[in-house]
PDB file of N, CA and C in Angstrom:
ATOM      1  N   MET A   1      94.207  83.149 183.708  1.00  0.00           N
ATOM      2  CA  MET A   1      94.615  83.687 182.435  1.00  0.00           C
ATOM      3  C   MET A   1      93.430  83.941 181.516  1.00  0.00           C
ATOM      4  N   SER A   2      92.303  83.323 181.762  1.00  0.00           N
ATOM      5  CA  SER A   2      91.183  83.489 180.844  1.00  0.00           C
ATOM      6  C   SER A   2      90.648  84.914 180.848  1.00  0.00           C
ATOM      7  N   TRP A   3      90.753  85.636 181.949  1.00  0.00           N
ATOM      8  CA  TRP A   3      90.243  86.997 181.976  1.00  0.00           C
ATOM      9  C   TRP A   3      91.201  87.985 181.346  1.00  0.00           C
ATOM     10  N   LEU A   4      92.357  87.534 180.883  1.00  0.00           N
ATOM     11  CA  LEU A   4      93.291  88.412 180.187  1.00  0.00           C
ATOM     12  C   LEU A   4      93.163  88.319 178.672  1.00  0.00           C
ATOM     13  N   THR A   5      92.207  87.544 178.179  1.00  0.00           N
ATOM     14  CA  THR A   5      92.080  87.359 176.737  1.00  0.00           C
ATOM     15  C   THR A   5      91.572  88.599 176.025  1.00  0.00           C
ATOM     16  N   GLY A   6      91.021  89.554 176.722  1.00  0.00           N
ATOM     17  CA  GLY A   6      90.540  90.776 176.100  1.00  0.00           C
ATOM     18  C   GLY A   6      91.650  91.729 175.684  1.00  0.00           C
ATOM     19  N   TYR A   7      92.864  91.451 176.082  1.00  0.00           N
ATOM     20  CA  TYR A   7      93.990  92.306 175.745  1.00  0.00           C
ATOM     21  C   TYR A   7      94.727  91.713 174.551  1.00  0.00           C
ATOM     22  N   ARG A   8      94.635  92.413 173.404  1.00  0.00           N
ATOM     23  CA  ARG A   8      95.144  91.868 172.144  1.00  0.00           C
ATOM     24  C   ARG A   8      96.637  91.629 172.151  1.00  0.00           C
ATOM     25  N   ARG A   9      97.399  92.460 172.818  1.00  0.00           N
ATOM     26  CA  ARG A   9      98.853  92.291 172.800  1.00  0.00           C
ATOM     27  C   ARG A   9      99.275  91.024 173.535  1.00  0.00           C
ATOM     28  N   LEU A  10      98.425  90.509 174.386  1.00  0.00           N
ATOM     29  CA  LEU A  10      98.770  89.301 175.117  1.00  0.00           C
ATOM     30  C   LEU A  10      98.337  88.035 174.383  1.00  0.00           C
ATOM     31  N   ASN A  11      97.415  88.160 173.427  1.00  0.00           N
ATOM     32  CA  ASN A  11      96.969  86.975 172.692  1.00  0.00           C
ATOM     33  C   ASN A  11      98.106  86.354 171.890  1.00  0.00           C
ATOM     34  N   HIS A  12      98.827  87.182 171.175  1.00  0.00           N
ATOM     35  CA  HIS A  12     100.015  86.735 170.443  1.00  0.00           C
ATOM     36  C   HIS A  12     101.185  87.504 171.010  1.00  0.00           C
ATOM     37  N   ARG A  13     102.241  86.846 171.196  1.00  0.00           N
ATOM     38  CA  ARG A  13     103.377  87.490 171.847  1.00  0.00           C
ATOM     39  C   ARG A  13     104.149  88.329 170.826  1.00  0.00           C
ATOM     40  N   TYR A  14     103.813  89.615 170.764  1.00  0.00           N
ATOM     41  CA  TYR A  14     104.452  90.525 169.826  1.00  0.00           C
ATOM     42  C   TYR A  14     105.793  91.032 170.337  1.00  0.00           C
ATOM     43  N   GLU A  15     105.947  91.079 171.622  1.00  0.00           N
ATOM     44  CA  GLU A  15     107.164  91.637 172.204  1.00  0.00           C
ATOM     45  C   GLU A  15     108.330  90.667 172.050  1.00  0.00           C
ATOM     46  N   ARG A  16     109.458  91.197 171.688  1.00  0.00           N
ATOM     47  CA  ARG A  16     110.641  90.353 171.512  1.00  0.00           C
ATOM     48  C   ARG A  16     111.349  90.067 172.830  1.00  0.00           C
ATOM     49  N   HIS A  17     111.290  91.033 173.717  1.00  0.00           N
ATOM     50  CA  HIS A  17     111.988  90.879 174.996  1.00  0.00           C
ATOM     51  C   HIS A  17     111.012  90.410 176.073  1.00  0.00           C
ATOM     52  N   PRO A  18     111.392  89.424 176.845  1.00  0.00           N
ATOM     53  CA  PRO A  18     110.487  88.900 177.880  1.00  0.00           C
ATOM     54  C   PRO A  18     110.081  89.936 178.920  1.00  0.00           C
ATOM     55  N   ARG A  19     110.972  90.857 179.252  1.00  0.00           N
ATOM     56  CA  ARG A  19     110.614  91.845 180.282  1.00  0.00           C
ATOM     57  C   ARG A  19     109.507  92.775 179.798  1.00  0.00           C
ATOM     58  N   ASN A  20     109.472  93.078 178.492  1.00  0.00           N
ATOM     59  CA  ASN A  20     108.386  93.901 177.965  1.00  0.00           C
ATOM     60  C   ASN A  20     107.063  93.147 178.018  1.00  0.00           C
ATOM     61  N   TYR A  21     107.102  91.876 177.666  1.00  0.00           N
ATOM     62  CA  TYR A  21     105.892  91.051 177.723  1.00  0.00           C
ATOM     63  C   TYR A  21     105.393  90.941 179.155  1.00  0.00           C
ATOM     64  N   LEU A  22     106.300  90.733 180.087  1.00  0.00           N
ATOM     65  CA  LEU A  22     105.901  90.619 181.494  1.00  0.00           C
ATOM     66  C   LEU A  22     105.355  91.939 182.031  1.00  0.00           C
ATOM     67  N   ALA A  23     105.881  93.055 181.550  1.00  0.00           N
ATOM     68  CA  ALA A  23     105.365  94.359 181.980  1.00  0.00           C
ATOM     69  C   ALA A  23     103.931  94.552 181.482  1.00  0.00           C
ATOM     70  N   ILE A  24     103.667  94.187 180.234  1.00  0.00           N
ATOM     71  CA  ILE A  24     102.313  94.305 179.689  1.00  0.00           C
ATOM     72  C   ILE A  24     101.377  93.344 180.404  1.00  0.00           C
ATOM     73  N   LEU A  25     101.857  92.163 180.716  1.00  0.00           N
ATOM     74  CA  LEU A  25     101.052  91.186 181.453  1.00  0.00           C
ATOM     75  C   LEU A  25     100.694  91.715 182.837  1.00  0.00           C
ATOM     76  N   GLY A  26     101.652  92.313 183.528  1.00  0.00           N
ATOM     77  CA  GLY A  26     101.391  92.890 184.845  1.00  0.00           C
ATOM     78  C   GLY A  26     100.407  94.040 184.788  1.00  0.00           C
ATOM     79  N   LEU A  27     100.532  94.868 183.770  1.00  0.00           N
ATOM     80  CA  LEU A  27      99.602  95.982 183.603  1.00  0.00           C
ATOM     81  C   LEU A  27      98.185  95.491 183.318  1.00  0.00           C
ATOM     82  N   ALA A  28      98.060  94.490 182.470  1.00  0.00           N
ATOM     83  CA  ALA A  28      96.740  93.935 182.158  1.00  0.00           C
ATOM     84  C   ALA A  28      96.115  93.299 183.397  1.00  0.00           C
ATOM     85  N   ALA A  29      96.905  92.605 184.180  1.00  0.00           N
ATOM     86  CA  ALA A  29      96.385  91.989 185.402  1.00  0.00           C
ATOM     87  C   ALA A  29      95.933  93.062 186.399  1.00  0.00           C
ATOM     88  N   ALA A  30      96.701  94.136 186.504  1.00  0.00           N
ATOM     89  CA  ALA A  30      96.326  95.219 187.412  1.00  0.00           C
ATOM     90  C   ALA A  30      95.034  95.882 186.957  1.00  0.00           C
ATOM     91  N   LEU A  31      94.879  96.080 185.650  1.00  0.00           N
ATOM     92  CA  LEU A  31      93.646  96.672 185.136  1.00  0.00           C
ATOM     93  C   LEU A  31      92.445  95.769 185.384  1.00  0.00           C
ATOM     94  N   CYS A  32      92.623  94.470 185.213  1.00  0.00           N
ATOM     95  CA  CYS A  32      91.522  93.530 185.475  1.00  0.00           C
ATOM     96  C   CYS A  32      91.114  93.559 186.944  1.00  0.00           C
ATOM     97  N   CYS A  33      92.094  93.587 187.824  1.00  0.00           N
ATOM     98  CA  CYS A  33      91.790  93.638 189.257  1.00  0.00           C
ATOM     99  C   CYS A  33      91.106  94.950 189.622  1.00  0.00           C
ATOM    100  N   TYR A  34      91.539  96.044 189.015  1.00  0.00           N
ATOM    101  CA  TYR A  34      90.928  97.341 189.278  1.00  0.00           C
ATOM    102  C   TYR A  34      89.477  97.366 188.811  1.00  0.00           C
ATOM    103  N   LYS A  35      89.213  96.835 187.626  1.00  0.00           N
ATOM    104  CA  LYS A  35      87.839  96.789 187.119  1.00  0.00           C
ATOM    105  C   LYS A  35      86.952  95.933 188.016  1.00  0.00           C
ATOM    106  N   ARG A  36      87.478  94.802 188.483  1.00  0.00           N
ATOM    107  CA  ARG A  36      86.711  93.928 189.366  1.00  0.00           C
ATOM    108  C   ARG A  36      86.452  94.613 190.709  1.00  0.00           C
ATOM    109  N   PHE A  37      87.436  95.336 191.208  1.00  0.00           N
ATOM    110  CA  PHE A  37      87.275  96.064 192.462  1.00  0.00           C
ATOM    111  C   PHE A  37      86.183  97.121 192.343  1.00  0.00           C
ATOM    112  N   LEU A  38      86.150  97.830 191.199  1.00  0.00           N
ATOM    113  CA  LEU A  38      85.116  98.835 191.001  1.00  0.00           C
ATOM    114  C   LEU A  38      83.725  98.208 190.969  1.00  0.00           C
ATOM    115  N   LYS A  39      83.594  97.042 190.351  1.00  0.00           N
ATOM    116  CA  LYS A  39      82.287  96.361 190.315  1.00  0.00           C
ATOM    117  C   LYS A  39      81.825  95.958 191.704  1.00  0.00           C
ATOM    118  N   LEU A  40      82.766  95.528 192.535  1.00  0.00           N
ATOM    119  CA  LEU A  40      82.409  95.069 193.880  1.00  0.00           C
ATOM    120  C   LEU A  40      82.031  96.212 194.803  1.00  0.00           C
ATOM    121  N   THR A  41      82.609  97.378 194.592  1.00  0.00           N
ATOM    122  CA  THR A  41      82.352  98.488 195.504  1.00  0.00           C
ATOM    123  C   THR A  41      81.138  99.314 195.110  1.00  0.00           C
ATOM    124  N   MET A  42      80.623  99.136 193.910  1.00  0.00           N
ATOM    125  CA  MET A  42      79.457  99.931 193.488  1.00  0.00           C
ATOM    126  C   MET A  42      78.174  99.190 193.674  1.00  0.00           C
TER     127      MET A  42
END
């Protein structure tokens, strides 16, 4: 979870519905993995 701290919407839970929060969490995790993958392949 520490590598997700750069995403402001995840720092404080602004979303009222859990499914919206989980969708943003999944998107942030996918972006972090994609950025890490790009660093490893270059």
